[in-house]
Amino acid sequence: KFPQMRRDIAILAPKTLPYKEIAEVITKFKPKNITNFFIFDCFESEKIGADKKSLAFGFIYQTADRTLSDEEVNKAHEKFSNLLCQKLPITIR
């Protein structure tokens, strides 16, 4: 009924960090208005470091009772991105 909004996060992570661990942290700490998330890119290259990988995630923001504003989603997404950097050994690309 109410439109969804998508925001993406691209991260740089150690190759040894399993996707399962990242997904568990996302699930545990995601804002309540994130209804779904998915990985849509995984990249490894000497340019980013032999011990690193780049992962890109999409996050769907939506509520059942109203339309979210861009400002509201952007603020929540920035806070969530910062939290992921605190909980995991990653950096935002």
N, C-alpha and C. Protein backbone atom coordinates (compact mmCIF):
# COMPACT_ATOMS: atom_id res chain seq x y z
N LYS A 1 0.82 -1.19 0.00
CA LYS A 1 0.00 0.00 0.00
C LYS A 1 0.87 1.26 0.00
N PHE A 2 1.92 1.25 0.80
CA PHE A 2 2.82 2.40 0.86
C PHE A 2 4.12 2.06 0.15
N PRO A 3 4.67 3.00 -0.60
CA PRO A 3 5.84 2.69 -1.43
C PRO A 3 7.08 2.37 -0.59
N GLN A 4 7.93 1.53 -1.16
CA GLN A 4 9.19 1.20 -0.51
C GLN A 4 10.29 2.07 -1.08
N MET A 5 11.35 2.20 -0.32
CA MET A 5 12.52 2.96 -0.75
C MET A 5 13.73 2.05 -0.61
N ARG A 6 14.65 2.16 -1.55
CA ARG A 6 15.85 1.34 -1.49
C ARG A 6 17.07 2.22 -1.26
N ARG A 7 17.92 1.73 -0.40
CA ARG A 7 19.22 2.35 -0.18
C ARG A 7 20.27 1.24 -0.23
N ASP A 8 21.45 1.58 -0.71
CA ASP A 8 22.53 0.60 -0.84
C ASP A 8 23.70 0.97 0.06
N ILE A 9 24.46 -0.05 0.42
CA ILE A 9 25.72 0.14 1.14
C ILE A 9 26.76 -0.76 0.48
N ALA A 10 27.88 -0.17 0.10
CA ALA A 10 29.01 -0.95 -0.40
C ALA A 10 30.08 -0.93 0.69
N ILE A 11 30.56 -2.11 1.04
CA ILE A 11 31.53 -2.21 2.13
C ILE A 11 32.82 -2.88 1.64
N LEU A 12 33.88 -2.60 2.36
CA LEU A 12 35.15 -3.27 2.17
C LEU A 12 35.38 -4.09 3.42
N ALA A 13 35.53 -5.41 3.26
CA ALA A 13 35.63 -6.32 4.39
C ALA A 13 36.80 -7.28 4.20
N PRO A 14 37.30 -7.83 5.29
CA PRO A 14 38.33 -8.87 5.16
C PRO A 14 37.76 -10.09 4.43
N LYS A 15 38.56 -10.73 3.60
CA LYS A 15 38.09 -11.93 2.90
C LYS A 15 37.67 -13.03 3.88
N THR A 16 38.25 -13.01 5.06
CA THR A 16 37.95 -14.05 6.05
C THR A 16 36.63 -13.83 6.78
N LEU A 17 36.00 -12.67 6.60
CA LEU A 17 34.72 -12.38 7.25
C LEU A 17 33.59 -13.04 6.45
N PRO A 18 32.93 -14.05 7.03
CA PRO A 18 31.89 -14.76 6.27
C PRO A 18 30.62 -13.94 6.12
N TYR A 19 29.95 -14.15 4.99
CA TYR A 19 28.67 -13.48 4.73
C TYR A 19 27.69 -13.73 5.86
N LYS A 20 27.67 -14.94 6.39
CA LYS A 20 26.73 -15.30 7.45
C LYS A 20 26.87 -14.37 8.65
N GLU A 21 28.09 -14.04 9.01
CA GLU A 21 28.33 -13.15 10.15
C GLU A 21 27.82 -11.74 9.86
N ILE A 22 28.06 -11.27 8.65
CA ILE A 22 27.57 -9.95 8.25
C ILE A 22 26.05 -9.94 8.30
N ALA A 23 25.42 -10.96 7.73
CA ALA A 23 23.95 -11.04 7.69
C ALA A 23 23.35 -11.10 9.10
N GLU A 24 24.02 -11.80 10.00
CA GLU A 24 23.53 -11.89 11.38
C GLU A 24 23.56 -10.52 12.05
N VAL A 25 24.62 -9.75 11.84
CA VAL A 25 24.72 -8.42 12.43
C VAL A 25 23.67 -7.49 11.81
N ILE A 26 23.50 -7.57 10.50
CA ILE A 26 22.48 -6.76 9.84
C ILE A 26 21.10 -7.08 10.41
N THR A 27 20.78 -8.36 10.52
CA THR A 27 19.48 -8.78 11.03
C THR A 27 19.26 -8.32 12.47
N LYS A 28 20.29 -8.41 13.27
CA LYS A 28 20.17 -8.04 14.68
C LYS A 28 19.99 -6.54 14.89
N PHE A 29 20.67 -5.72 14.10
CA PHE A 29 20.72 -4.29 14.36
C PHE A 29 19.97 -3.42 13.35
N LYS A 30 19.35 -4.02 12.35
CA LYS A 30 18.69 -3.20 11.32
C LYS A 30 17.52 -2.42 11.91
N PRO A 31 17.27 -1.22 11.38
CA PRO A 31 16.11 -0.46 11.83
C PRO A 31 14.81 -1.23 11.54
N LYS A 32 13.79 -0.99 12.32
CA LYS A 32 12.54 -1.74 12.17
C LYS A 32 11.86 -1.49 10.82
N ASN A 33 12.17 -0.38 10.17
CA ASN A 33 11.52 -0.10 8.88
C ASN A 33 12.30 -0.67 7.68
N ILE A 34 13.35 -1.46 7.94
CA ILE A 34 13.97 -2.23 6.85
C ILE A 34 13.22 -3.55 6.78
N THR A 35 12.53 -3.76 5.67
CA THR A 35 11.71 -4.96 5.52
C THR A 35 12.45 -6.10 4.82
N ASN A 36 13.53 -5.76 4.13
CA ASN A 36 14.28 -6.78 3.40
C ASN A 36 15.68 -6.25 3.10
N PHE A 37 16.63 -7.16 3.00
CA PHE A 37 17.97 -6.77 2.52
C PHE A 37 18.52 -7.92 1.69
N PHE A 38 19.46 -7.60 0.82
CA PHE A 38 20.04 -8.60 -0.07
C PHE A 38 21.42 -8.14 -0.52
N ILE A 39 22.24 -9.10 -0.87
CA ILE A 39 23.55 -8.79 -1.44
C ILE A 39 23.41 -8.81 -2.95
N PHE A 40 23.98 -7.80 -3.62
CA PHE A 40 23.86 -7.79 -5.08
C PHE A 40 25.20 -7.68 -5.80
N ASP A 41 26.29 -7.61 -5.04
CA ASP A 41 27.59 -7.58 -5.70
C ASP A 41 28.68 -8.05 -4.74
N CYS A 42 29.61 -8.80 -5.27
CA CYS A 42 30.79 -9.24 -4.53
C CYS A 42 31.97 -9.11 -5.49
N PHE A 43 33.01 -8.44 -5.03
CA PHE A 43 34.13 -8.14 -5.92
C PHE A 43 35.43 -8.32 -5.17
N GLU A 44 36.39 -8.96 -5.78
CA GLU A 44 37.73 -9.10 -5.23
C GLU A 44 38.73 -8.68 -6.29
N SER A 45 39.76 -7.94 -5.86
CA SER A 45 40.76 -7.46 -6.80
C SER A 45 42.01 -7.06 -6.02
N GLU A 46 43.13 -7.16 -6.68
CA GLU A 46 44.38 -6.70 -6.08
C GLU A 46 44.32 -5.19 -5.80
N LYS A 47 43.53 -4.47 -6.56
CA LYS A 47 43.41 -3.02 -6.40
C LYS A 47 42.82 -2.64 -5.04
N ILE A 48 41.95 -3.49 -4.51
CA ILE A 48 41.37 -3.18 -3.19
C ILE A 48 42.12 -3.89 -2.07
N GLY A 49 43.05 -4.74 -2.42
CA GLY A 49 43.86 -5.45 -1.45
C GLY A 49 43.66 -6.95 -1.55
N ALA A 50 44.74 -7.67 -1.46
CA ALA A 50 44.69 -9.12 -1.61
C ALA A 50 43.89 -9.79 -0.50
N ASP A 51 43.78 -9.13 0.64
CA ASP A 51 43.07 -9.71 1.77
C ASP A 51 41.68 -9.11 1.98
N LYS A 52 41.17 -8.36 0.98
CA LYS A 52 39.88 -7.67 1.10
C LYS A 52 38.89 -8.13 0.04
N LYS A 53 37.62 -7.89 0.34
CA LYS A 53 36.55 -8.10 -0.64
C LYS A 53 35.58 -6.93 -0.53
N SER A 54 34.96 -6.61 -1.62
CA SER A 54 33.95 -5.56 -1.66
C SER A 54 32.58 -6.23 -1.80
N LEU A 55 31.67 -5.85 -0.93
CA LEU A 55 30.31 -6.39 -0.97
C LEU A 55 29.33 -5.23 -1.04
N ALA A 56 28.28 -5.39 -1.83
CA ALA A 56 27.25 -4.36 -1.92
C ALA A 56 25.91 -4.96 -1.51
N PHE A 57 25.23 -4.24 -0.62
CA PHE A 57 23.94 -4.69 -0.10
C PHE A 57 22.86 -3.68 -0.44
N GLY A 58 21.68 -4.18 -0.73
CA GLY A 58 20.50 -3.35 -0.92
C GLY A 58 19.58 -3.51 0.28
N PHE A 59 19.01 -2.41 0.72
CA PHE A 59 18.10 -2.41 1.86
C PHE A 59 16.77 -1.78 1.45
N ILE A 60 15.68 -2.46 1.75
CA ILE A 60 14.35 -1.97 1.43
C ILE A 60 13.72 -1.41 2.69
N TYR A 61 13.38 -0.13 2.64
CA TYR A 61 12.72 0.56 3.75
C TYR A 61 11.24 0.70 3.41
N GLN A 62 10.39 0.36 4.37
CA GLN A 62 8.95 0.48 4.14
C GLN A 62 8.22 0.32 5.48
N THR A 63 7.09 0.98 5.61
CA THR A 63 6.21 0.76 6.75
C THR A 63 4.82 0.43 6.24
N ALA A 64 4.04 -0.18 7.08
CA ALA A 64 2.69 -0.60 6.69
C ALA A 64 1.65 0.49 6.91
N ASP A 65 2.04 1.57 7.62
CA ASP A 65 1.03 2.55 7.99
C ASP A 65 1.21 3.95 7.40
N ARG A 66 2.33 4.17 6.69
CA ARG A 66 2.54 5.51 6.11
C ARG A 66 3.69 5.47 5.11
N THR A 67 3.82 6.55 4.37
CA THR A 67 4.92 6.69 3.44
C THR A 67 6.10 7.32 4.17
N LEU A 68 7.26 6.72 4.05
CA LEU A 68 8.47 7.26 4.66
C LEU A 68 9.01 8.42 3.81
N SER A 69 9.58 9.41 4.47
CA SER A 69 10.18 10.54 3.74
C SER A 69 11.63 10.21 3.41
N ASP A 70 12.16 10.86 2.37
CA ASP A 70 13.57 10.69 2.02
C ASP A 70 14.46 11.05 3.19
N GLU A 71 14.15 12.14 3.85
CA GLU A 71 14.96 12.60 4.98
C GLU A 71 14.98 11.56 6.10
N GLU A 72 13.83 10.99 6.39
CA GLU A 72 13.72 9.97 7.43
C GLU A 72 14.55 8.73 7.08
N VAL A 73 14.44 8.27 5.84
CA VAL A 73 15.17 7.08 5.41
C VAL A 73 16.67 7.38 5.36
N ASN A 74 17.06 8.52 4.84
CA ASN A 74 18.48 8.87 4.77
C ASN A 74 19.12 8.93 6.16
N LYS A 75 18.41 9.52 7.11
CA LYS A 75 18.92 9.62 8.48
C LYS A 75 19.08 8.22 9.10
N ALA A 76 18.07 7.38 8.95
CA ALA A 76 18.13 6.01 9.49
C ALA A 76 19.23 5.21 8.82
N HIS A 77 19.37 5.39 7.51
CA HIS A 77 20.38 4.63 6.75
C HIS A 77 21.80 5.04 7.15
N GLU A 78 22.02 6.31 7.34
CA GLU A 78 23.35 6.78 7.76
C GLU A 78 23.68 6.25 9.16
N LYS A 79 22.73 6.31 10.06
CA LYS A 79 22.95 5.80 11.42
C LYS A 79 23.23 4.30 11.38
N PHE A 80 22.48 3.58 10.57
CA PHE A 80 22.66 2.13 10.44
C PHE A 80 24.02 1.80 9.83
N SER A 81 24.43 2.54 8.82
CA SER A 81 25.75 2.34 8.19
C SER A 81 26.87 2.51 9.21
N ASN A 82 26.76 3.55 10.01
CA ASN A 82 27.77 3.81 11.04
C ASN A 82 27.78 2.69 12.08
N LEU A 83 26.63 2.19 12.45
CA LEU A 83 26.54 1.10 13.42
C LEU A 83 27.20 -0.17 12.87
N LEU A 84 26.98 -0.47 11.60
CA LEU A 84 27.63 -1.64 11.00
C LEU A 84 29.15 -1.54 11.08
N CYS A 85 29.68 -0.34 10.88
CA CYS A 85 31.13 -0.14 10.96
C CYS A 85 31.64 -0.34 12.39
N GLN A 86 30.80 -0.09 13.37
CA GLN A 86 31.19 -0.31 14.76
C GLN A 86 31.13 -1.78 15.14
N LYS A 87 30.19 -2.51 14.58
CA LYS A 87 29.97 -3.90 14.97
C LYS A 87 30.78 -4.90 14.15
N LEU A 88 31.23 -4.49 12.98
CA LEU A 88 31.97 -5.39 12.08
C LEU A 88 33.30 -4.75 11.67
N PRO A 89 34.28 -5.55 11.30
CA PRO A 89 35.57 -5.00 10.84
C PRO A 89 35.50 -4.58 9.37
N ILE A 90 34.66 -3.59 9.08
CA ILE A 90 34.42 -3.15 7.70
C ILE A 90 34.60 -1.64 7.59
N THR A 91 34.69 -1.19 6.35
CA THR A 91 34.62 0.24 6.05
C THR A 91 33.62 0.42 4.92
N ILE A 92 32.98 1.56 4.92
CA ILE A 92 32.04 1.90 3.84
C ILE A 92 32.85 2.41 2.66
N ARG A 93 32.51 1.90 1.47
CA ARG A 93 33.22 2.34 0.26
C ARG A 93 32.60 3.59 -0.29
